[in-house]
C-alpha cells in the first residue's frame, strides 16, 4: 500500500470551509446530498418548501466553490452530491489547526478509505 498524505494533496482553505458550513441552510442541503445525486428541484422538495429554488441554487453554488459537492450535468440539468472525502479532510484540517493535542486521538486521515482504494 502506498502511503499518501491526503492533507498535502488537497489544498484546503479552512476559512472558506468554515464560512460555507456555518450556514444552517447549507448544512441542511449537505445532509440531503449525502450518498445521493439530486437536482436543485429535488433538494427544494427534500427541504419541504422551507427554501425556494433560487436560494437553493445560490447555496449549491457556494458549496461548489468550496469543493464540498460534486456536480454532474445531464443536458440542461445539474445534479449534486456531497464530496464526503473532502468534507472529512477539511474537518481533520480544522481539528489539526485548532485542537492539535486532540487530533492525535482522532482517526488518522490515512486510515480513511478513499474512492481510489
PDB file of N, CA and C in Angstrom:
ATOM      1  N   UNK A   1       0.841  -1.180   0.000  1.00  0.00           N
ATOM      2  CA  UNK A   1       0.000   0.000   0.000  1.00  0.00           C
ATOM      3  C   UNK A   1       0.887   1.245   0.000  1.00  0.00           C
ATOM      4  N   UNK A   2       0.532   2.207  -0.807  1.00  0.00           N
ATOM      5  CA  UNK A   2       1.277   3.456  -0.909  1.00  0.00           C
ATOM      6  C   UNK A   2       0.814   4.394   0.200  1.00  0.00           C
ATOM      7  N   UNK A   3       1.764   4.994   0.905  1.00  0.00           N
ATOM      8  CA  UNK A   3       1.450   5.941   1.966  1.00  0.00           C
ATOM      9  C   UNK A   3       1.248   7.313   1.338  1.00  0.00           C
ATOM     10  N   UNK A   4       0.008   7.800   1.359  1.00  0.00           N
ATOM     11  CA  UNK A   4      -0.320   9.087   0.752  1.00  0.00           C
ATOM     12  C   UNK A   4      -0.864  10.013   1.829  1.00  0.00           C
ATOM     13  N   UNK A   5      -0.324  11.197   1.900  1.00  0.00           N
ATOM     14  CA  UNK A   5      -0.814  12.192   2.832  1.00  0.00           C
ATOM     15  C   UNK A   5      -1.860  13.041   2.113  1.00  0.00           C
ATOM     16  N   UNK A   6      -3.122  12.756   2.373  1.00  0.00           N
ATOM     17  CA  UNK A   6      -4.219  13.451   1.701  1.00  0.00           C
ATOM     18  C   UNK A   6      -4.172  14.948   1.987  1.00  0.00           C
ATOM     19  N   UNK A   7      -3.755  15.316   3.180  1.00  0.00           N
ATOM     20  CA  UNK A   7      -3.709  16.732   3.551  1.00  0.00           C
ATOM     21  C   UNK A   7      -2.782  17.512   2.621  1.00  0.00           C
ATOM     22  N   UNK A   8      -1.689  16.892   2.170  1.00  0.00           N
ATOM     23  CA  UNK A   8      -0.757  17.585   1.286  1.00  0.00           C
ATOM     24  C   UNK A   8      -1.267  17.602  -0.153  1.00  0.00           C
ATOM     25  N   UNK A   9      -2.031  16.585  -0.544  1.00  0.00           N
ATOM     26  CA  UNK A   9      -2.545  16.508  -1.911  1.00  0.00           C
ATOM     27  C   UNK A   9      -3.647  17.536  -2.130  1.00  0.00           C
ATOM     28  N   UNK A  10      -4.566  17.620  -1.192  1.00  0.00           N
ATOM     29  CA  UNK A  10      -5.704  18.526  -1.323  1.00  0.00           C
ATOM     30  C   UNK A  10      -5.361  19.864  -0.689  1.00  0.00           C
ATOM     31  N   UNK A  11      -5.462  20.907  -1.461  1.00  0.00           N
ATOM     32  CA  UNK A  11      -5.290  22.231  -0.889  1.00  0.00           C
ATOM     33  C   UNK A  11      -6.584  22.575  -0.165  1.00  0.00           C
ATOM     34  N   UNK A  12      -6.451  22.917   1.093  1.00  0.00           N
ATOM     35  CA  UNK A  12      -7.627  23.157   1.912  1.00  0.00           C
ATOM     36  C   UNK A  12      -7.659  24.611   2.350  1.00  0.00           C
ATOM     37  N   UNK A  13      -8.766  25.263   2.078  1.00  0.00           N
ATOM     38  CA  UNK A  13      -8.992  26.624   2.544  1.00  0.00           C
ATOM     39  C   UNK A  13      -9.921  26.508   3.748  1.00  0.00           C
ATOM     40  N   UNK A  14      -9.330  26.416   4.944  1.00  0.00           N
ATOM     41  CA  UNK A  14     -10.138  26.185   6.141  1.00  0.00           C
ATOM     42  C   UNK A  14     -11.085  27.349   6.424  1.00  0.00           C
ATOM     43  N   UNK A  15     -10.688  28.566   6.083  1.00  0.00           N
ATOM     44  CA  UNK A  15     -11.563  29.714   6.299  1.00  0.00           C
ATOM     45  C   UNK A  15     -12.801  29.627   5.408  1.00  0.00           C
ATOM     46  N   UNK A  16     -12.605  29.332   4.127  1.00  0.00           N
ATOM     47  CA  UNK A  16     -13.733  29.180   3.211  1.00  0.00           C
ATOM     48  C   UNK A  16     -14.628  28.037   3.664  1.00  0.00           C
ATOM     49  N   UNK A  17     -14.021  26.917   4.028  1.00  0.00           N
ATOM     50  CA  UNK A  17     -14.784  25.767   4.511  1.00  0.00           C
ATOM     51  C   UNK A  17     -15.647  26.160   5.710  1.00  0.00           C
ATOM     52  N   UNK A  18     -15.046  26.829   6.693  1.00  0.00           N
ATOM     53  CA  UNK A  18     -15.784  27.222   7.894  1.00  0.00           C
ATOM     54  C   UNK A  18     -16.924  28.187   7.561  1.00  0.00           C
ATOM     55  N   UNK A  19     -16.670  29.138   6.664  1.00  0.00           N
ATOM     56  CA  UNK A  19     -17.720  30.084   6.266  1.00  0.00           C
ATOM     57  C   UNK A  19     -18.886  29.366   5.590  1.00  0.00           C
ATOM     58  N   UNK A  20     -18.555  28.432   4.719  1.00  0.00           N
ATOM     59  CA  UNK A  20     -19.603  27.748   3.958  1.00  0.00           C
ATOM     60  C   UNK A  20     -20.461  26.878   4.871  1.00  0.00           C
ATOM     61  N   UNK A  21     -19.835  26.146   5.772  1.00  0.00           N
ATOM     62  CA  UNK A  21     -20.639  25.255   6.612  1.00  0.00           C
ATOM     63  C   UNK A  21     -21.295  25.972   7.792  1.00  0.00           C
ATOM     64  N   UNK A  22     -20.967  27.242   8.003  1.00  0.00           N
ATOM     65  CA  UNK A  22     -21.568  27.998   9.101  1.00  0.00           C
ATOM     66  C   UNK A  22     -23.045  28.296   8.862  1.00  0.00           C
ATOM     67  N   UNK A  23     -23.500  28.172   7.631  1.00  0.00           N
ATOM     68  CA  UNK A  23     -24.884  28.491   7.283  1.00  0.00           C
ATOM     69  C   UNK A  23     -25.790  27.280   7.509  1.00  0.00           C
ATOM     70  N   UNK A  24     -26.867  27.477   8.267  1.00  0.00           N
ATOM     71  CA  UNK A  24     -27.800  26.382   8.582  1.00  0.00           C
ATOM     72  C   UNK A  24     -28.430  25.771   7.334  1.00  0.00           C
ATOM     73  N   UNK A  25     -28.785  26.602   6.371  1.00  0.00           N
ATOM     74  CA  UNK A  25     -29.408  26.088   5.146  1.00  0.00           C
ATOM     75  C   UNK A  25     -28.432  25.214   4.377  1.00  0.00           C
ATOM     76  N   UNK A  26     -27.188  25.630   4.276  1.00  0.00           N
ATOM     77  CA  UNK A  26     -26.193  24.807   3.581  1.00  0.00           C
ATOM     78  C   UNK A  26     -25.969  23.488   4.318  1.00  0.00           C
ATOM     79  N   UNK A  27     -26.009  23.515   5.635  1.00  0.00           N
ATOM     80  CA  UNK A  27     -25.881  22.274   6.397  1.00  0.00           C
ATOM     81  C   UNK A  27     -27.029  21.316   6.068  1.00  0.00           C
ATOM     82  N   UNK A  28     -28.231  21.854   5.965  1.00  0.00           N
ATOM     83  CA  UNK A  28     -29.390  21.022   5.603  1.00  0.00           C
ATOM     84  C   UNK A  28     -29.234  20.452   4.193  1.00  0.00           C
ATOM     85  N   UNK A  29     -28.761  21.277   3.283  1.00  0.00           N
ATOM     86  CA  UNK A  29     -28.545  20.828   1.905  1.00  0.00           C
ATOM     87  C   UNK A  29     -27.492  19.724   1.876  1.00  0.00           C
ATOM     88  N   UNK A  30     -26.426  19.889   2.644  1.00  0.00           N
ATOM     89  CA  UNK A  30     -25.377  18.872   2.686  1.00  0.00           C
ATOM     90  C   UNK A  30     -25.931  17.541   3.200  1.00  0.00           C
ATOM     91  N   UNK A  31     -26.797  17.597   4.203  1.00  0.00           N
ATOM     92  CA  UNK A  31     -27.433  16.367   4.706  1.00  0.00           C
ATOM     93  C   UNK A  31     -28.240  15.690   3.600  1.00  0.00           C
ATOM     94  N   UNK A  32     -28.958  16.477   2.830  1.00  0.00           N
ATOM     95  CA  UNK A  32     -29.772  15.930   1.733  1.00  0.00           C
ATOM     96  C   UNK A  32     -28.907  15.267   0.667  1.00  0.00           C
ATOM     97  N   UNK A  33     -27.713  15.801   0.450  1.00  0.00           N
ATOM     98  CA  UNK A  33     -26.860  15.342  -0.644  1.00  0.00           C
ATOM     99  C   UNK A  33     -25.926  14.188  -0.278  1.00  0.00           C
ATOM    100  N   UNK A  34     -25.971  13.756   0.957  1.00  0.00           N
ATOM    101  CA  UNK A  34     -25.089  12.671   1.369  1.00  0.00           C
ATOM    102  C   UNK A  34     -25.492  11.366   0.684  1.00  0.00           C
ATOM    103  N   UNK A  35     -24.568  10.831  -0.103  1.00  0.00           N
ATOM    104  CA  UNK A  35     -24.712   9.496  -0.724  1.00  0.00           C
ATOM    105  C   UNK A  35     -25.740   9.409  -1.851  1.00  0.00           C
ATOM    106  N   UNK A  36     -26.242  10.534  -2.327  1.00  0.00           N
ATOM    107  CA  UNK A  36     -27.199  10.523  -3.439  1.00  0.00           C
ATOM    108  C   UNK A  36     -26.901  11.687  -4.379  1.00  0.00           C
ATOM    109  N   UNK A  37     -27.344  11.546  -5.631  1.00  0.00           N
ATOM    110  CA  UNK A  37     -27.272  12.632  -6.609  1.00  0.00           C
ATOM    111  C   UNK A  37     -28.654  13.241  -6.712  1.00  0.00           C
ATOM    112  N   UNK A  38     -28.764  14.561  -6.495  1.00  0.00           N
ATOM    113  CA  UNK A  38     -30.052  15.245  -6.563  1.00  0.00           C
ATOM    114  C   UNK A  38     -29.947  16.495  -7.432  1.00  0.00           C
ATOM    115  N   UNK A  39     -31.047  16.812  -8.093  1.00  0.00           N
ATOM    116  CA  UNK A  39     -31.130  18.073  -8.831  1.00  0.00           C
ATOM    117  C   UNK A  39     -31.513  19.182  -7.852  1.00  0.00           C
ATOM    118  N   UNK A  40     -31.448  20.415  -8.307  1.00  0.00           N
ATOM    119  CA  UNK A  40     -31.854  21.548  -7.473  1.00  0.00           C
ATOM    120  C   UNK A  40     -33.293  21.358  -7.008  1.00  0.00           C
ATOM    121  N   UNK A  41     -34.156  20.966  -7.937  1.00  0.00           N
ATOM    122  CA  UNK A  41     -35.569  20.778  -7.580  1.00  0.00           C
ATOM    123  C   UNK A  41     -35.756  19.645  -6.578  1.00  0.00           C
ATOM    124  N   UNK A  42     -34.949  18.589  -6.690  1.00  0.00           N
ATOM    125  CA  UNK A  42     -35.006  17.502  -5.711  1.00  0.00           C
ATOM    126  C   UNK A  42     -34.649  18.019  -4.315  1.00  0.00           C
ATOM    127  N   UNK A  43     -33.638  18.882  -4.253  1.00  0.00           N
ATOM    128  CA  UNK A  43     -33.220  19.445  -2.961  1.00  0.00           C
ATOM    129  C   UNK A  43     -34.326  20.322  -2.395  1.00  0.00           C
ATOM    130  N   UNK A  44     -34.930  21.157  -3.236  1.00  0.00           N
ATOM    131  CA  UNK A  44     -36.040  22.012  -2.801  1.00  0.00           C
ATOM    132  C   UNK A  44     -37.146  21.143  -2.207  1.00  0.00           C
ATOM    133  N   UNK A  45     -37.456  20.051  -2.890  1.00  0.00           N
ATOM    134  CA  UNK A  45     -38.504  19.134  -2.421  1.00  0.00           C
ATOM    135  C   UNK A  45     -38.127  18.502  -1.078  1.00  0.00           C
ATOM    136  N   UNK A  46     -36.886  18.065  -0.950  1.00  0.00           N
ATOM    137  CA  UNK A  46     -36.426  17.450   0.310  1.00  0.00           C
ATOM    138  C   UNK A  46     -36.473  18.444   1.473  1.00  0.00           C
ATOM    139  N   UNK A  47     -36.282  19.718   1.171  1.00  0.00           N
ATOM    140  CA  UNK A  47     -36.338  20.749   2.213  1.00  0.00           C
ATOM    141  C   UNK A  47     -37.780  21.175   2.512  1.00  0.00           C
ATOM    142  N   UNK A  48     -38.715  20.515   1.875  1.00  0.00           N
ATOM    143  CA  UNK A  48     -40.154  20.685   2.117  1.00  0.00           C
ATOM    144  C   UNK A  48     -40.617  22.132   2.022  1.00  0.00           C
ATOM    145  N   UNK A  49     -40.114  22.833   1.021  1.00  0.00           N
ATOM    146  CA  UNK A  49     -40.584  24.194   0.759  1.00  0.00           C
ATOM    147  C   UNK A  49     -40.046  25.257   1.700  1.00  0.00           C
ATOM    148  N   UNK A  50     -39.156  24.903   2.621  1.00  0.00           N
ATOM    149  CA  UNK A  50     -38.586  25.901   3.541  1.00  0.00           C
ATOM    150  C   UNK A  50     -37.715  26.897   2.797  1.00  0.00           C
ATOM    151  N   UNK A  51     -37.163  26.447   1.648  1.00  0.00           N
ATOM    152  CA  UNK A  51     -36.249  27.282   0.866  1.00  0.00           C
ATOM    153  C   UNK A  51     -36.666  27.193  -0.600  1.00  0.00           C
ATOM    154  N   UNK A  52     -36.712  28.334  -1.284  1.00  0.00           N
ATOM    155  CA  UNK A  52     -37.128  28.315  -2.689  1.00  0.00           C
ATOM    156  C   UNK A  52     -35.973  27.932  -3.616  1.00  0.00           C
ATOM    157  N   UNK A  53     -36.289  27.688  -4.866  1.00  0.00           N
ATOM    158  CA  UNK A  53     -35.305  27.206  -5.840  1.00  0.00           C
ATOM    159  C   UNK A  53     -34.135  28.164  -6.045  1.00  0.00           C
ATOM    160  N   UNK A  54     -34.370  29.480  -6.215  1.00  0.00           N
ATOM    161  CA  UNK A  54     -33.219  30.371  -6.394  1.00  0.00           C
ATOM    162  C   UNK A  54     -32.266  30.366  -5.187  1.00  0.00           C
ATOM    163  N   UNK A  55     -32.811  30.255  -4.002  1.00  0.00           N
ATOM    164  CA  UNK A  55     -31.981  30.228  -2.801  1.00  0.00           C
ATOM    165  C   UNK A  55     -31.176  28.936  -2.723  1.00  0.00           C
ATOM    166  N   UNK A  56     -31.806  27.814  -3.050  1.00  0.00           N
ATOM    167  CA  UNK A  56     -31.082  26.538  -3.070  1.00  0.00           C
ATOM    168  C   UNK A  56     -29.960  26.596  -4.103  1.00  0.00           C
ATOM    169  N   UNK A  57     -30.240  27.144  -5.280  1.00  0.00           N
ATOM    170  CA  UNK A  57     -29.213  27.287  -6.315  1.00  0.00           C
ATOM    171  C   UNK A  57     -28.035  28.123  -5.812  1.00  0.00           C
ATOM    172  N   UNK A  58     -28.334  29.200  -5.105  1.00  0.00           N
ATOM    173  CA  UNK A  58     -27.285  30.058  -4.532  1.00  0.00           C
ATOM    174  C   UNK A  58     -26.414  29.262  -3.558  1.00  0.00           C
ATOM    175  N   UNK A  59     -27.043  28.524  -2.675  1.00  0.00           N
ATOM    176  CA  UNK A  59     -26.293  27.751  -1.682  1.00  0.00           C
ATOM    177  C   UNK A  59     -25.484  26.628  -2.333  1.00  0.00           C
ATOM    178  N   UNK A  60     -26.048  25.998  -3.354  1.00  0.00           N
ATOM    179  CA  UNK A  60     -25.306  24.954  -4.068  1.00  0.00           C
ATOM    180  C   UNK A  60     -24.069  25.536  -4.745  1.00  0.00           C
ATOM    181  N   UNK A  61     -24.183  26.745  -5.257  1.00  0.00           N
ATOM    182  CA  UNK A  61     -23.034  27.417  -5.875  1.00  0.00           C
ATOM    183  C   UNK A  61     -21.932  27.640  -4.838  1.00  0.00           C
ATOM    184  N   UNK A  62     -22.315  28.078  -3.647  1.00  0.00           N
ATOM    185  CA  UNK A  62     -21.335  28.278  -2.568  1.00  0.00           C
ATOM    186  C   UNK A  62     -20.676  26.951  -2.180  1.00  0.00           C
ATOM    187  N   UNK A  63     -21.461  25.886  -2.088  1.00  0.00           N
ATOM    188  CA  UNK A  63     -20.914  24.570  -1.767  1.00  0.00           C
ATOM    189  C   UNK A  63     -19.971  24.087  -2.865  1.00  0.00           C
ATOM    190  N   UNK A  64     -20.329  24.380  -4.112  1.00  0.00           N
ATOM    191  CA  UNK A  64     -19.475  24.001  -5.241  1.00  0.00           C
ATOM    192  C   UNK A  64     -18.152  24.777  -5.197  1.00  0.00           C
ATOM    193  N   UNK A  65     -18.211  26.058  -4.918  1.00  0.00           N
ATOM    194  CA  UNK A  65     -16.997  26.881  -4.829  1.00  0.00           C
ATOM    195  C   UNK A  65     -16.062  26.377  -3.732  1.00  0.00           C
ATOM    196  N   UNK A  66     -16.642  25.837  -2.674  1.00  0.00           N
ATOM    197  CA  UNK A  66     -15.848  25.316  -1.555  1.00  0.00           C
ATOM    198  C   UNK A  66     -15.462  23.850  -1.766  1.00  0.00           C
ATOM    199  N   UNK A  67     -15.797  23.293  -2.929  1.00  0.00           N
ATOM    200  CA  UNK A  67     -15.478  21.908  -3.309  1.00  0.00           C
ATOM    201  C   UNK A  67     -16.161  20.877  -2.410  1.00  0.00           C
ATOM    202  N   UNK A  68     -17.273  21.264  -1.795  1.00  0.00           N
ATOM    203  CA  UNK A  68     -17.984  20.355  -0.901  1.00  0.00           C
ATOM    204  C   UNK A  68     -19.045  19.525  -1.610  1.00  0.00           C
ATOM    205  N   UNK A  69     -19.275  19.801  -2.882  1.00  0.00           N
ATOM    206  CA  UNK A  69     -20.182  18.982  -3.682  1.00  0.00           C
ATOM    207  C   UNK A  69     -19.534  18.674  -5.028  1.00  0.00           C
ATOM    208  N   UNK A  70     -19.921  17.535  -5.563  1.00  0.00           N
ATOM    209  CA  UNK A  70     -19.588  17.198  -6.941  1.00  0.00           C
ATOM    210  C   UNK A  70     -20.792  17.578  -7.787  1.00  0.00           C
ATOM    211  N   UNK A  71     -20.551  17.985  -9.020  1.00  0.00           N
ATOM    212  CA  UNK A  71     -21.625  18.381  -9.927  1.00  0.00           C
ATOM    213  C   UNK A  71     -21.543  17.530 -11.186  1.00  0.00           C
ATOM    214  N   UNK A  72     -22.691  17.038 -11.610  1.00  0.00           N
ATOM    215  CA  UNK A  72     -22.787  16.254 -12.845  1.00  0.00           C
ATOM    216  C   UNK A  72     -23.872  16.898 -13.704  1.00  0.00           C
ATOM    217  N   UNK A  73     -23.530  17.167 -14.948  1.00  0.00           N
ATOM    218  CA  UNK A  73     -24.513  17.773 -15.858  1.00  0.00           C
ATOM    219  C   UNK A  73     -25.104  16.723 -16.776  1.00  0.00           C
ATOM    220  N   UNK A  74     -26.414  16.783 -16.906  1.00  0.00           N
ATOM    221  CA  UNK A  74     -27.147  15.932 -17.852  1.00  0.00           C
ATOM    222  C   UNK A  74     -28.066  16.849 -18.633  1.00  0.00           C
ATOM    223  N   UNK A  75     -27.673  17.142 -19.853  1.00  0.00           N
ATOM    224  CA  UNK A  75     -28.438  18.102 -20.644  1.00  0.00           C
ATOM    225  C   UNK A  75     -28.372  19.463 -19.983  1.00  0.00           C
ATOM    226  N   UNK A  76     -29.539  20.037 -19.725  1.00  0.00           N
ATOM    227  CA  UNK A  76     -29.595  21.342 -19.086  1.00  0.00           C
ATOM    228  C   UNK A  76     -29.705  21.246 -17.565  1.00  0.00           C
ATOM    229  N   UNK A  77     -29.779  20.031 -17.064  1.00  0.00           N
ATOM    230  CA  UNK A  77     -29.948  19.848 -15.626  1.00  0.00           C
ATOM    231  C   UNK A  77     -28.628  19.488 -14.946  1.00  0.00           C
ATOM    232  N   UNK A  78     -28.476  19.991 -13.745  1.00  0.00           N
ATOM    233  CA  UNK A  78     -27.277  19.689 -12.950  1.00  0.00           C
ATOM    234  C   UNK A  78     -27.693  18.872 -11.736  1.00  0.00           C
ATOM    235  N   UNK A  79     -26.859  17.879 -11.411  1.00  0.00           N
ATOM    236  CA  UNK A  79     -27.092  17.034 -10.252  1.00  0.00           C
ATOM    237  C   UNK A  79     -25.914  17.189  -9.309  1.00  0.00           C
ATOM    238  N   UNK A  80     -26.208  17.122  -8.014  1.00  0.00           N
ATOM    239  CA  UNK A  80     -25.203  17.372  -6.986  1.00  0.00           C
ATOM    240  C   UNK A  80     -25.160  16.216  -5.999  1.00  0.00           C
ATOM    241  N   UNK A  81     -23.967  15.971  -5.450  1.00  0.00           N
ATOM    242  CA  UNK A  81     -23.788  15.032  -4.360  1.00  0.00           C
ATOM    243  C   UNK A  81     -22.693  15.570  -3.451  1.00  0.00           C
ATOM    244  N   UNK A  82     -22.745  15.190  -2.188  1.00  0.00           N
ATOM    245  CA  UNK A  82     -21.770  15.652  -1.213  1.00  0.00           C
ATOM    246  C   UNK A  82     -20.405  15.037  -1.495  1.00  0.00           C
ATOM    247  N   UNK A  83     -19.372  15.845  -1.432  1.00  0.00           N
ATOM    248  CA  UNK A  83     -17.997  15.376  -1.569  1.00  0.00           C
ATOM    249  C   UNK A  83     -17.542  14.962  -0.165  1.00  0.00           C
ATOM    250  N   UNK A  84     -17.886  13.746   0.206  1.00  0.00           N
ATOM    251  CA  UNK A  84     -17.657  13.266   1.568  1.00  0.00           C
ATOM    252  C   UNK A  84     -16.176  13.205   1.927  1.00  0.00           C
ATOM    253  N   UNK A  85     -15.352  12.823   0.984  1.00  0.00           N
ATOM    254  CA  UNK A  85     -13.913  12.727   1.250  1.00  0.00           C
ATOM    255  C   UNK A  85     -13.332  14.094   1.585  1.00  0.00           C
ATOM    256  N   UNK A  86     -13.667  15.097   0.791  1.00  0.00           N
ATOM    257  CA  UNK A  86     -13.143  16.441   1.038  1.00  0.00           C
ATOM    258  C   UNK A  86     -13.685  17.002   2.350  1.00  0.00           C
ATOM    259  N   UNK A  87     -14.952  16.738   2.642  1.00  0.00           N
ATOM    260  CA  UNK A  87     -15.549  17.167   3.903  1.00  0.00           C
ATOM    261  C   UNK A  87     -14.764  16.590   5.083  1.00  0.00           C
ATOM    262  N   UNK A  88     -14.434  15.314   4.991  1.00  0.00           N
ATOM    263  CA  UNK A  88     -13.678  14.646   6.047  1.00  0.00           C
ATOM    264  C   UNK A  88     -12.292  15.259   6.209  1.00  0.00           C
ATOM    265  N   UNK A  89     -11.630  15.511   5.095  1.00  0.00           N
ATOM    266  CA  UNK A  89     -10.290  16.097   5.129  1.00  0.00           C
ATOM    267  C   UNK A  89     -10.337  17.502   5.728  1.00  0.00           C
ATOM    268  N   UNK A  90     -11.336  18.283   5.346  1.00  0.00           N
ATOM    269  CA  UNK A  90     -11.457  19.647   5.886  1.00  0.00           C
ATOM    270  C   UNK A  90     -11.700  19.630   7.388  1.00  0.00           C
ATOM    271  N   UNK A  91     -12.545  18.729   7.833  1.00  0.00           N
ATOM    272  CA  UNK A  91     -12.794  18.620   9.277  1.00  0.00           C
ATOM    273  C   UNK A  91     -11.510  18.250  10.006  1.00  0.00           C
ATOM    274  N   UNK A  92     -10.757  17.322   9.429  1.00  0.00           N
ATOM    275  CA  UNK A  92      -9.477  16.938  10.012  1.00  0.00           C
ATOM    276  C   UNK A  92      -8.505  18.099  10.061  1.00  0.00           C
ATOM    277  N   UNK A  93      -8.505  18.922   9.019  1.00  0.00           N
ATOM    278  CA  UNK A  93      -7.615  20.086   8.981  1.00  0.00           C
ATOM    279  C   UNK A  93      -7.978  21.082  10.078  1.00  0.00           C
ATOM    280  N   UNK A  94      -9.279  21.275  10.298  1.00  0.00           N
ATOM    281  CA  UNK A  94      -9.701  22.186  11.364  1.00  0.00           C
ATOM    282  C   UNK A  94      -9.291  21.660  12.736  1.00  0.00           C
ATOM    283  N   UNK A  95      -9.459  20.362  12.936  1.00  0.00           N
ATOM    284  CA  UNK A  95      -9.060  19.765  14.217  1.00  0.00           C
ATOM    285  C   UNK A  95      -7.555  19.920  14.414  1.00  0.00           C
ATOM    286  N   UNK A  96      -6.792  19.640  13.366  1.00  0.00           N
ATOM    287  CA  UNK A  96      -5.335  19.769  13.471  1.00  0.00           C
ATOM    288  C   UNK A  96      -4.908  21.205  13.760  1.00  0.00           C
ATOM    289  N   UNK A  97      -5.631  22.151  13.172  1.00  0.00           N
ATOM    290  CA  UNK A  97      -5.266  23.560  13.333  1.00  0.00           C
ATOM    291  C   UNK A  97      -5.662  24.113  14.699  1.00  0.00           C
ATOM    292  N   UNK A  98      -6.874  23.787  15.154  1.00  0.00           N
ATOM    293  CA  UNK A  98      -7.390  24.415  16.355  1.00  0.00           C
ATOM    294  C   UNK A  98      -7.330  23.534  17.607  1.00  0.00           C
ATOM    295  N   UNK A  99      -7.143  22.241  17.428  1.00  0.00           N
ATOM    296  CA  UNK A  99      -7.058  21.338  18.582  1.00  0.00           C
ATOM    297  C   UNK A  99      -5.964  20.304  18.328  1.00  0.00           C
ATOM    298  N   UNK A 100      -4.731  20.755  18.130  1.00  0.00           N
ATOM    299  CA  UNK A 100      -3.667  19.821  17.762  1.00  0.00           C
ATOM    300  C   UNK A 100      -3.438  18.713  18.777  1.00  0.00           C
ATOM    301  N   UNK A 101      -3.614  18.996  20.060  1.00  0.00           N
ATOM    302  CA  UNK A 101      -3.402  17.937  21.052  1.00  0.00           C
ATOM    303  C   UNK A 101      -4.506  16.891  20.982  1.00  0.00           C
ATOM    304  N   UNK A 102      -5.676  17.287  20.556  1.00  0.00           N
ATOM    305  CA  UNK A 102      -6.792  16.343  20.410  1.00  0.00           C
ATOM    306  C   UNK A 102      -6.683  15.542  19.118  1.00  0.00           C
ATOM    307  N   UNK A 103      -6.062  16.111  18.107  1.00  0.00           N
ATOM    308  CA  UNK A 103      -6.033  15.467  16.791  1.00  0.00           C
ATOM    309  C   UNK A 103      -5.389  14.090  16.820  1.00  0.00           C
ATOM    310  N   UNK A 104      -4.494  13.849  17.750  1.00  0.00           N
ATOM    311  CA  UNK A 104      -3.859  12.525  17.854  1.00  0.00           C
ATOM    312  C   UNK A 104      -4.857  11.454  18.283  1.00  0.00           C
ATOM    313  N   UNK A 105      -5.945  11.874  18.919  1.00  0.00           N
ATOM    314  CA  UNK A 105      -6.968  10.928  19.376  1.00  0.00           C
ATOM    315  C   UNK A 105      -7.985  10.602  18.283  1.00  0.00           C
ATOM    316  N   UNK A 106      -7.989  11.388  17.246  1.00  0.00           N
ATOM    317  CA  UNK A 106      -8.944  11.221  16.154  1.00  0.00           C
ATOM    318  C   UNK A 106      -8.390  10.198  15.170  1.00  0.00           C
ATOM    319  N   UNK A 107      -9.273   9.565  14.442  1.00  0.00           N
ATOM    320  CA  UNK A 107      -8.863   8.573  13.448  1.00  0.00           C
ATOM    321  C   UNK A 107      -7.910   9.224  12.453  1.00  0.00           C
ATOM    322  N   UNK A 108      -6.739   8.638  12.224  1.00  0.00           N
ATOM    323  CA  UNK A 108      -5.790   9.220  11.263  1.00  0.00           C
ATOM    324  C   UNK A 108      -6.384   9.260   9.855  1.00  0.00           C
ATOM    325  N   UNK A 109      -6.142  10.365   9.147  1.00  0.00           N
ATOM    326  CA  UNK A 109      -6.704  10.530   7.809  1.00  0.00           C
ATOM    327  C   UNK A 109      -6.265   9.425   6.857  1.00  0.00           C
ATOM    328  N   UNK A 110      -5.043   8.927   7.015  1.00  0.00           N
ATOM    329  CA  UNK A 110      -4.577   7.891   6.085  1.00  0.00           C
ATOM    330  C   UNK A 110      -5.264   6.543   6.310  1.00  0.00           C
ATOM    331  N   UNK A 111      -6.041   6.425   7.388  1.00  0.00           N
ATOM    332  CA  UNK A 111      -6.770   5.178   7.606  1.00  0.00           C
ATOM    333  C   UNK A 111      -8.194   5.252   7.031  1.00  0.00           C
ATOM    334  N   UNK A 112      -8.589   6.434   6.554  1.00  0.00           N
ATOM    335  CA  UNK A 112      -9.909   6.599   5.950  1.00  0.00           C
ATOM    336  C   UNK A 112      -9.828   6.126   4.508  1.00  0.00           C
ATOM    337  N   UNK A 113     -10.678   5.165   4.123  1.00  0.00           N
ATOM    338  CA  UNK A 113     -10.615   4.684   2.736  1.00  0.00           C
ATOM    339  C   UNK A 113     -11.009   5.779   1.754  1.00  0.00           C
ATOM    340  N   UNK A 114     -10.298   5.825   0.649  1.00  0.00           N
ATOM    341  CA  UNK A 114     -10.623   6.797  -0.390  1.00  0.00           C
ATOM    342  C   UNK A 114     -11.311   6.077  -1.532  1.00  0.00           C
ATOM    343  N   UNK A 115     -11.845   6.839  -2.448  1.00  0.00           N
ATOM    344  CA  UNK A 115     -12.532   6.254  -3.601  1.00  0.00           C
ATOM    345  C   UNK A 115     -11.570   5.526  -4.518  1.00  0.00           C
ATOM    346  N   UNK A 116     -10.255   5.782  -4.374  1.00  0.00           N
ATOM    347  CA  UNK A 116      -9.243   5.124  -5.205  1.00  0.00           C
ATOM    348  C   UNK A 116      -8.894   3.739  -4.699  1.00  0.00           C
ATOM    349  N   UNK A 117      -9.277   3.428  -3.461  1.00  0.00           N
ATOM    350  CA  UNK A 117      -8.874   2.143  -2.856  1.00  0.00           C
ATOM    351  C   UNK A 117      -9.675   0.992  -3.411  1.00  0.00           C
TER     352      UNK A 117
END
